[in-house]
Amino acid sequence: MNKVLIQDVSPNKLKYNTGQIEGVPKNPRFIKDEKFKKLVKSLLDNPEMMLLREVVAVDTGKDLVVVAGNMRTRAAIEIGMKDIPVK
């Protein structure tokens, strides 16, 4: 069994999933306006939720590509989080 590593990562080291991983489609979701504002508020009100539902990224050897949590990553950057928990 492979070990799952959870680490705090600077947002500038994360890349959004635009389809750069073979066999993994680009992120189909994009939220804006009110839904995005609600997500930002949720992270501000409950920052510990990022520890319970961390971002999932694939290390390509060149980049850490977010495959689950693109919008949470965007919201975390919006509120100025210095580190994002990444699995």
N, C-alpha and C. Protein backbone atom coordinates (compact mmCIF):
# COMPACT_ATOMS: atom_id res chain seq x y z
N MET A 1 0.84 -1.17 0.00
CA MET A 1 0.00 0.00 0.00
C MET A 1 0.89 1.24 0.00
N ASN A 2 0.53 2.22 -0.84
CA ASN A 2 1.26 3.48 -0.88
C ASN A 2 0.86 4.37 0.28
N LYS A 3 1.82 5.11 0.80
CA LYS A 3 1.53 6.08 1.84
C LYS A 3 0.97 7.34 1.21
N VAL A 4 0.01 7.94 1.88
CA VAL A 4 -0.54 9.21 1.44
C VAL A 4 0.12 10.30 2.26
N LEU A 5 0.72 11.24 1.59
CA LEU A 5 1.42 12.32 2.25
C LEU A 5 0.53 13.56 2.26
N ILE A 6 0.30 14.10 3.44
CA ILE A 6 -0.43 15.36 3.56
C ILE A 6 0.58 16.40 4.03
N GLN A 7 0.65 17.49 3.27
CA GLN A 7 1.61 18.52 3.62
C GLN A 7 1.01 19.89 3.35
N ASP A 8 1.54 20.91 4.02
CA ASP A 8 1.15 22.27 3.75
C ASP A 8 1.99 22.78 2.58
N VAL A 9 1.30 23.33 1.59
CA VAL A 9 1.96 23.76 0.36
C VAL A 9 1.61 25.22 0.09
N SER A 10 2.60 25.99 -0.31
CA SER A 10 2.37 27.37 -0.71
C SER A 10 1.48 27.38 -1.96
N PRO A 11 0.47 28.23 -2.00
CA PRO A 11 -0.43 28.26 -3.16
C PRO A 11 0.29 28.48 -4.48
N ASN A 12 1.41 29.19 -4.48
CA ASN A 12 2.09 29.44 -5.75
C ASN A 12 2.76 28.19 -6.32
N LYS A 13 2.79 27.11 -5.54
CA LYS A 13 3.35 25.85 -6.05
C LYS A 13 2.28 24.95 -6.66
N LEU A 14 1.01 25.34 -6.52
CA LEU A 14 -0.09 24.54 -7.04
C LEU A 14 -0.52 25.06 -8.41
N LYS A 15 -0.83 24.14 -9.29
CA LYS A 15 -1.34 24.48 -10.62
C LYS A 15 -2.76 23.95 -10.74
N TYR A 16 -3.63 24.73 -11.37
CA TYR A 16 -4.99 24.27 -11.60
C TYR A 16 -4.98 23.17 -12.65
N ASN A 17 -5.93 22.26 -12.53
CA ASN A 17 -6.05 21.15 -13.47
C ASN A 17 -6.67 21.65 -14.77
N THR A 18 -5.83 21.79 -15.78
CA THR A 18 -6.31 22.23 -17.10
C THR A 18 -6.22 21.10 -18.11
N GLY A 19 -6.09 19.86 -17.61
CA GLY A 19 -6.00 18.71 -18.50
C GLY A 19 -4.58 18.29 -18.80
N GLN A 20 -3.61 18.75 -18.01
CA GLN A 20 -2.21 18.45 -18.30
C GLN A 20 -1.77 17.05 -17.84
N ILE A 21 -2.65 16.31 -17.16
CA ILE A 21 -2.31 14.95 -16.75
C ILE A 21 -3.04 13.98 -17.67
N GLU A 22 -2.29 13.14 -18.34
CA GLU A 22 -2.89 12.19 -19.27
C GLU A 22 -3.88 11.28 -18.55
N GLY A 23 -5.06 11.16 -19.12
CA GLY A 23 -6.09 10.30 -18.54
C GLY A 23 -6.96 10.98 -17.49
N VAL A 24 -6.62 12.20 -17.12
CA VAL A 24 -7.40 12.96 -16.14
C VAL A 24 -7.96 14.19 -16.85
N PRO A 25 -9.28 14.26 -17.00
CA PRO A 25 -9.85 15.42 -17.70
C PRO A 25 -9.64 16.70 -16.90
N LYS A 26 -9.67 17.82 -17.60
CA LYS A 26 -9.52 19.10 -16.91
C LYS A 26 -10.68 19.30 -15.95
N ASN A 27 -10.47 20.16 -14.98
CA ASN A 27 -11.49 20.43 -13.98
C ASN A 27 -12.76 20.95 -14.66
N PRO A 28 -13.89 20.25 -14.49
CA PRO A 28 -15.12 20.69 -15.16
C PRO A 28 -15.87 21.77 -14.40
N ARG A 29 -15.48 22.02 -13.16
CA ARG A 29 -16.26 22.95 -12.33
C ARG A 29 -15.60 24.31 -12.26
N PHE A 30 -16.45 25.30 -12.23
CA PHE A 30 -16.00 26.66 -12.00
C PHE A 30 -17.16 27.41 -11.35
N ILE A 31 -16.89 27.95 -10.19
CA ILE A 31 -17.95 28.72 -9.53
C ILE A 31 -17.58 30.19 -9.55
N LYS A 32 -18.59 31.02 -9.56
CA LYS A 32 -18.32 32.46 -9.58
C LYS A 32 -19.42 33.18 -8.80
N ASP A 33 -19.24 34.45 -8.69
CA ASP A 33 -20.21 35.33 -8.07
C ASP A 33 -20.61 34.87 -6.67
N GLU A 34 -21.90 34.70 -6.44
CA GLU A 34 -22.40 34.41 -5.09
C GLU A 34 -21.87 33.08 -4.53
N LYS A 35 -21.81 32.06 -5.35
CA LYS A 35 -21.32 30.76 -4.85
C LYS A 35 -19.87 30.87 -4.41
N PHE A 36 -19.06 31.59 -5.18
CA PHE A 36 -17.66 31.76 -4.81
C PHE A 36 -17.55 32.59 -3.52
N LYS A 37 -18.35 33.64 -3.40
CA LYS A 37 -18.35 34.45 -2.19
C LYS A 37 -18.73 33.60 -0.97
N LYS A 38 -19.68 32.68 -1.13
CA LYS A 38 -20.08 31.80 -0.03
C LYS A 38 -18.94 30.87 0.36
N LEU A 39 -18.21 30.36 -0.64
CA LEU A 39 -17.07 29.49 -0.35
C LEU A 39 -15.98 30.27 0.39
N VAL A 40 -15.70 31.47 -0.05
CA VAL A 40 -14.71 32.31 0.63
C VAL A 40 -15.13 32.56 2.07
N LYS A 41 -16.39 32.92 2.27
CA LYS A 41 -16.90 33.17 3.63
C LYS A 41 -16.80 31.91 4.48
N SER A 42 -17.11 30.77 3.89
CA SER A 42 -17.01 29.50 4.61
C SER A 42 -15.59 29.24 5.09
N LEU A 43 -14.60 29.51 4.24
CA LEU A 43 -13.20 29.32 4.65
C LEU A 43 -12.78 30.32 5.71
N LEU A 44 -13.29 31.54 5.61
CA LEU A 44 -12.98 32.54 6.64
C LEU A 44 -13.60 32.17 7.98
N ASP A 45 -14.84 31.68 7.94
CA ASP A 45 -15.56 31.32 9.16
C ASP A 45 -15.06 30.01 9.77
N ASN A 46 -14.62 29.09 8.92
CA ASN A 46 -14.22 27.75 9.38
C ASN A 46 -12.94 27.29 8.69
N PRO A 47 -11.81 27.95 8.94
CA PRO A 47 -10.57 27.58 8.25
C PRO A 47 -10.13 26.14 8.53
N GLU A 48 -10.56 25.59 9.67
CA GLU A 48 -10.20 24.21 9.99
C GLU A 48 -10.79 23.19 9.00
N MET A 49 -11.78 23.60 8.24
CA MET A 49 -12.36 22.69 7.25
C MET A 49 -11.35 22.30 6.18
N MET A 50 -10.36 23.15 5.93
CA MET A 50 -9.33 22.78 4.96
C MET A 50 -8.50 21.61 5.47
N LEU A 51 -8.45 21.43 6.78
CA LEU A 51 -7.73 20.28 7.34
C LEU A 51 -8.56 19.02 7.23
N LEU A 52 -9.88 19.17 7.26
CA LEU A 52 -10.77 18.01 7.16
C LEU A 52 -11.00 17.57 5.72
N ARG A 53 -10.90 18.53 4.82
CA ARG A 53 -11.11 18.23 3.40
C ARG A 53 -10.02 18.92 2.60
N GLU A 54 -8.84 18.33 2.68
CA GLU A 54 -7.68 18.95 2.03
C GLU A 54 -7.78 18.85 0.51
N VAL A 55 -6.97 19.64 -0.14
CA VAL A 55 -6.87 19.63 -1.59
C VAL A 55 -6.09 18.37 -2.00
N VAL A 56 -6.48 17.76 -3.11
CA VAL A 56 -5.78 16.59 -3.62
C VAL A 56 -5.02 17.01 -4.88
N ALA A 57 -3.72 16.72 -4.89
CA ALA A 57 -2.89 17.11 -6.03
C ALA A 57 -2.03 15.93 -6.47
N VAL A 58 -1.70 15.94 -7.75
CA VAL A 58 -0.81 14.94 -8.34
C VAL A 58 0.53 15.62 -8.61
N ASP A 59 1.59 14.99 -8.13
CA ASP A 59 2.93 15.51 -8.40
C ASP A 59 3.40 14.94 -9.73
N THR A 60 3.52 15.81 -10.72
CA THR A 60 3.94 15.37 -12.05
C THR A 60 5.46 15.32 -12.19
N GLY A 61 6.15 15.70 -11.13
CA GLY A 61 7.60 15.81 -11.20
C GLY A 61 8.01 17.23 -11.57
N LYS A 62 7.09 17.94 -12.17
CA LYS A 62 7.33 19.34 -12.55
C LYS A 62 6.40 20.26 -11.76
N ASP A 63 5.16 19.83 -11.61
CA ASP A 63 4.14 20.64 -10.94
C ASP A 63 3.33 19.80 -9.98
N LEU A 64 2.67 20.47 -9.03
CA LEU A 64 1.63 19.85 -8.21
C LEU A 64 0.31 20.30 -8.83
N VAL A 65 -0.39 19.37 -9.47
CA VAL A 65 -1.62 19.70 -10.18
C VAL A 65 -2.82 19.31 -9.33
N VAL A 66 -3.67 20.27 -9.04
CA VAL A 66 -4.85 20.04 -8.21
C VAL A 66 -5.88 19.25 -9.01
N VAL A 67 -6.24 18.07 -8.50
CA VAL A 67 -7.27 17.26 -9.16
C VAL A 67 -8.57 17.22 -8.36
N ALA A 68 -8.53 17.69 -7.13
CA ALA A 68 -9.74 17.83 -6.32
C ALA A 68 -9.54 19.02 -5.40
N GLY A 69 -10.37 20.03 -5.57
CA GLY A 69 -10.26 21.20 -4.72
C GLY A 69 -9.79 22.45 -5.45
N ASN A 70 -10.01 22.51 -6.75
CA ASN A 70 -9.61 23.70 -7.51
C ASN A 70 -10.27 24.96 -6.98
N MET A 71 -11.56 24.89 -6.67
CA MET A 71 -12.27 26.09 -6.20
C MET A 71 -11.88 26.43 -4.76
N ARG A 72 -11.63 25.40 -3.93
CA ARG A 72 -11.14 25.66 -2.57
C ARG A 72 -9.77 26.31 -2.63
N THR A 73 -8.94 25.88 -3.56
CA THR A 73 -7.62 26.49 -3.74
C THR A 73 -7.78 27.95 -4.12
N ARG A 74 -8.65 28.21 -5.06
CA ARG A 74 -8.90 29.59 -5.50
C ARG A 74 -9.39 30.45 -4.34
N ALA A 75 -10.31 29.91 -3.54
CA ALA A 75 -10.84 30.66 -2.40
C ALA A 75 -9.75 30.88 -1.35
N ALA A 76 -8.91 29.88 -1.12
CA ALA A 76 -7.82 30.01 -0.14
C ALA A 76 -6.85 31.10 -0.57
N ILE A 77 -6.56 31.18 -1.86
CA ILE A 77 -5.70 32.24 -2.39
C ILE A 77 -6.38 33.59 -2.21
N GLU A 78 -7.67 33.64 -2.46
CA GLU A 78 -8.44 34.89 -2.34
C GLU A 78 -8.34 35.47 -0.93
N ILE A 79 -8.36 34.61 0.08
CA ILE A 79 -8.31 35.10 1.47
C ILE A 79 -6.88 35.21 1.99
N GLY A 80 -5.91 34.89 1.16
CA GLY A 80 -4.51 35.09 1.53
C GLY A 80 -3.88 33.99 2.37
N MET A 81 -4.41 32.77 2.27
CA MET A 81 -3.80 31.66 3.01
C MET A 81 -2.37 31.48 2.51
N LYS A 82 -1.44 31.36 3.45
CA LYS A 82 -0.03 31.19 3.09
C LYS A 82 0.31 29.75 2.74
N ASP A 83 -0.42 28.82 3.35
CA ASP A 83 -0.23 27.39 3.10
C ASP A 83 -1.58 26.72 2.97
N ILE A 84 -1.65 25.73 2.08
CA ILE A 84 -2.87 24.98 1.85
C ILE A 84 -2.57 23.51 2.13
N PRO A 85 -3.39 22.82 2.95
CA PRO A 85 -3.17 21.40 3.17
C PRO A 85 -3.45 20.62 1.88
N VAL A 86 -2.46 19.83 1.48
CA VAL A 86 -2.55 19.08 0.23
C VAL A 86 -2.23 17.62 0.47
N LYS A 87 -3.07 16.78 -0.10
CA LYS A 87 -2.85 15.33 -0.05
C LYS A 87 -2.35 14.91 -1.41
